[in-house]
Amino acid sequence: MKMVMIAYNEAIDDEVMEVLENCTLDNYTKIKGAFGKGKTSGTHLGDDIWPGRNNVLYAACEDRDAKQLLTCVKELRKKLGKEGVKAFVWDLEEATE
């Protein structure tokens, strides 16, 4: 199994959720209002100087689903440019059922 983490600008939440739906992934955890700084997406601290926030979405899934989700996020990045969406994948060694 894999864990996929998607960090993205809150402004594109609908687009990211559509990607998840198109990949038929029903199980995820979303953290809204995260702060951060990206090399290409800029700084988002939710204040007057650095407006905007990020969301972070985690999805534990089978290897093939993680690969598909990563491909879909790459396509979204091409479509949106520097709007700010990145995906990270790592091995999930153990999970409770």
C-alpha atoms as a PDB file:
ATOM      1  CA  MET A   1       0.000   0.000   0.000  1.00  0.00           C
ATOM      2  CA  LYS A   2       0.939   3.641  -0.475  1.00  0.00           C
ATOM      3  CA  MET A   3       0.164   6.901   1.259  1.00  0.00           C
ATOM      4  CA  VAL A   4      -0.448   9.825  -1.073  1.00  0.00           C
ATOM      5  CA  MET A   5      -0.268  13.352   0.296  1.00  0.00           C
ATOM      6  CA  ILE A   6      -1.548  16.197  -1.853  1.00  0.00           C
ATOM      7  CA  ALA A   7      -0.754  19.751  -0.737  1.00  0.00           C
ATOM      8  CA  TYR A   8      -2.565  22.459  -2.659  1.00  0.00           C
ATOM      9  CA  ASN A   9      -3.852  26.026  -2.677  1.00  0.00           C
ATOM     10  CA  GLU A  10      -7.296  26.149  -1.051  1.00  0.00           C
ATOM     11  CA  ALA A  11      -8.576  28.054  -4.098  1.00  0.00           C
ATOM     12  CA  ILE A  12      -8.438  24.860  -6.174  1.00  0.00           C
ATOM     13  CA  ASP A  13     -10.190  22.573  -3.693  1.00  0.00           C
ATOM     14  CA  ASP A  14     -12.988  21.748  -6.158  1.00  0.00           C
ATOM     15  CA  GLU A  15     -10.497  20.727  -8.843  1.00  0.00           C
ATOM     16  CA  VAL A  16      -8.545  18.487  -6.459  1.00  0.00           C
ATOM     17  CA  MET A  17     -11.725  16.840  -5.172  1.00  0.00           C
ATOM     18  CA  GLU A  18     -12.779  16.208  -8.779  1.00  0.00           C
ATOM     19  CA  VAL A  19      -9.433  14.499  -9.437  1.00  0.00           C
ATOM     20  CA  LEU A  20     -10.012  12.292  -6.393  1.00  0.00           C
ATOM     21  CA  GLU A  21     -13.515  11.419  -7.583  1.00  0.00           C
ATOM     22  CA  ASN A  22     -12.269  10.632 -11.101  1.00  0.00           C
ATOM     23  CA  CYS A  23      -9.691   8.274  -9.593  1.00  0.00           C
ATOM     24  CA  THR A  24     -12.557   6.627  -7.652  1.00  0.00           C
ATOM     25  CA  LEU A  25     -10.830   7.114  -4.315  1.00  0.00           C
ATOM     26  CA  ASP A  26     -13.502   7.365  -1.632  1.00  0.00           C
ATOM     27  CA  ASN A  27     -11.331   7.316   1.479  1.00  0.00           C
ATOM     28  CA  TYR A  28      -9.206  10.279   2.424  1.00  0.00           C
ATOM     29  CA  THR A  29      -8.391  12.734   5.196  1.00  0.00           C
ATOM     30  CA  LYS A  30      -8.412  16.455   4.417  1.00  0.00           C
ATOM     31  CA  ILE A  31      -6.802  19.121   6.572  1.00  0.00           C
ATOM     32  CA  LYS A  32      -8.027  22.604   5.706  1.00  0.00           C
ATOM     33  CA  GLY A  33      -6.184  25.843   6.334  1.00  0.00           C
ATOM     34  CA  ALA A  34      -2.575  24.674   6.367  1.00  0.00           C
ATOM     35  CA  PHE A  35       0.178  27.260   6.029  1.00  0.00           C
ATOM     36  CA  GLY A  36       3.336  26.881   4.001  1.00  0.00           C
ATOM     37  CA  LYS A  37       5.765  28.079   1.417  1.00  0.00           C
ATOM     38  CA  GLY A  38       6.490  26.493  -1.927  1.00  0.00           C
ATOM     39  CA  LYS A  39       9.271  27.077  -4.386  1.00  0.00           C
ATOM     40  CA  THR A  40       6.846  27.826  -7.233  1.00  0.00           C
ATOM     41  CA  SER A  41       3.561  28.418  -5.398  1.00  0.00           C
ATOM     42  CA  GLY A  42       4.786  31.116  -3.025  1.00  0.00           C
ATOM     43  CA  THR A  43       4.053  31.726   0.642  1.00  0.00           C
ATOM     44  CA  HIS A  44       0.600  31.174   2.149  1.00  0.00           C
ATOM     45  CA  LEU A  45       0.263  32.203   5.783  1.00  0.00           C
ATOM     46  CA  GLY A  46      -3.348  33.391   5.812  1.00  0.00           C
ATOM     47  CA  ASP A  47      -2.519  36.969   6.811  1.00  0.00           C
ATOM     48  CA  ASP A  48      -2.469  40.393   5.137  1.00  0.00           C
ATOM     49  CA  ILE A  49       1.144  40.096   4.063  1.00  0.00           C
ATOM     50  CA  TRP A  50       1.037  36.479   2.875  1.00  0.00           C
ATOM     51  CA  PRO A  51      -2.636  35.797   2.038  1.00  0.00           C
ATOM     52  CA  GLY A  52      -4.032  32.423   1.143  1.00  0.00           C
ATOM     53  CA  ARG A  53      -3.903  29.028   2.752  1.00  0.00           C
ATOM     54  CA  ASN A  54      -3.328  25.464   1.664  1.00  0.00           C
ATOM     55  CA  ASN A  55      -5.217  22.247   2.145  1.00  0.00           C
ATOM     56  CA  VAL A  56      -3.559  18.890   2.666  1.00  0.00           C
ATOM     57  CA  LEU A  57      -5.203  15.649   1.638  1.00  0.00           C
ATOM     58  CA  TYR A  58      -4.025  12.155   2.608  1.00  0.00           C
ATOM     59  CA  ALA A  59      -5.183   8.985   0.860  1.00  0.00           C
ATOM     60  CA  ALA A  60      -4.062   5.472   1.774  1.00  0.00           C
ATOM     61  CA  CYS A  61      -4.523   3.257  -1.273  1.00  0.00           C
ATOM     62  CA  GLU A  62      -3.257   0.353  -3.320  1.00  0.00           C
ATOM     63  CA  ASP A  63      -0.102   0.897  -5.379  1.00  0.00           C
ATOM     64  CA  ARG A  64      -1.982   1.072  -8.705  1.00  0.00           C
ATOM     65  CA  ASP A  65      -4.415   3.662  -7.302  1.00  0.00           C
ATOM     66  CA  ALA A  66      -1.535   5.784  -5.998  1.00  0.00           C
ATOM     67  CA  LYS A  67       0.103   5.703  -9.413  1.00  0.00           C
ATOM     68  CA  GLN A  68      -3.144   6.771 -11.089  1.00  0.00           C
ATOM     69  CA  LEU A  69      -3.694   9.557  -8.559  1.00  0.00           C
ATOM     70  CA  LEU A  70      -0.148  10.841  -9.066  1.00  0.00           C
ATOM     71  CA  THR A  71      -0.697  10.893 -12.830  1.00  0.00           C
ATOM     72  CA  CYS A  72      -3.953  12.828 -12.379  1.00  0.00           C
ATOM     73  CA  VAL A  73      -2.258  15.395 -10.107  1.00  0.00           C
ATOM     74  CA  LYS A  74       0.514  15.849 -12.682  1.00  0.00           C
ATOM     75  CA  GLU A  75      -2.141  16.567 -15.317  1.00  0.00           C
ATOM     76  CA  LEU A  76      -3.828  19.055 -12.980  1.00  0.00           C
ATOM     77  CA  ARG A  77      -0.482  20.815 -12.470  1.00  0.00           C
ATOM     78  CA  LYS A  78      -0.098  21.164 -16.240  1.00  0.00           C
ATOM     79  CA  LYS A  79      -3.603  22.612 -16.497  1.00  0.00           C
ATOM     80  CA  LEU A  80      -3.303  25.071 -13.596  1.00  0.00           C
ATOM     81  CA  GLY A  81       0.337  26.105 -13.877  1.00  0.00           C
ATOM     82  CA  LYS A  82       1.704  27.780 -10.759  1.00  0.00           C
ATOM     83  CA  GLU A  83      -1.598  27.674  -8.872  1.00  0.00           C
ATOM     84  CA  GLY A  84      -0.024  25.275  -6.400  1.00  0.00           C
ATOM     85  CA  VAL A  85      -0.646  21.555  -6.200  1.00  0.00           C
ATOM     86  CA  LYS A  86       1.890  18.845  -5.411  1.00  0.00           C
ATOM     87  CA  ALA A  87       1.624  15.164  -4.591  1.00  0.00           C
ATOM     88  CA  PHE A  88       3.980  13.014  -2.548  1.00  0.00           C
ATOM     89  CA  VAL A  89       3.883   9.227  -2.291  1.00  0.00           C
ATOM     90  CA  TRP A  90       5.489   6.919   0.235  1.00  0.00           C
ATOM     91  CA  ASP A  91       5.185   3.303   1.314  1.00  0.00           C
ATOM     92  CA  LEU A  92       2.575   2.560   3.920  1.00  0.00           C
ATOM     93  CA  GLU A  93       4.000  -0.229   6.016  1.00  0.00           C
ATOM     94  CA  GLU A  94       1.071  -0.893   8.278  1.00  0.00           C
ATOM     95  CA  ALA A  95      -2.523   0.202   8.734  1.00  0.00           C
ATOM     96  CA  THR A  96      -5.270  -0.820  11.106  1.00  0.00           C
ATOM     97  CA  GLU A  97      -8.461  -2.038   9.479  1.00  0.00           C
END
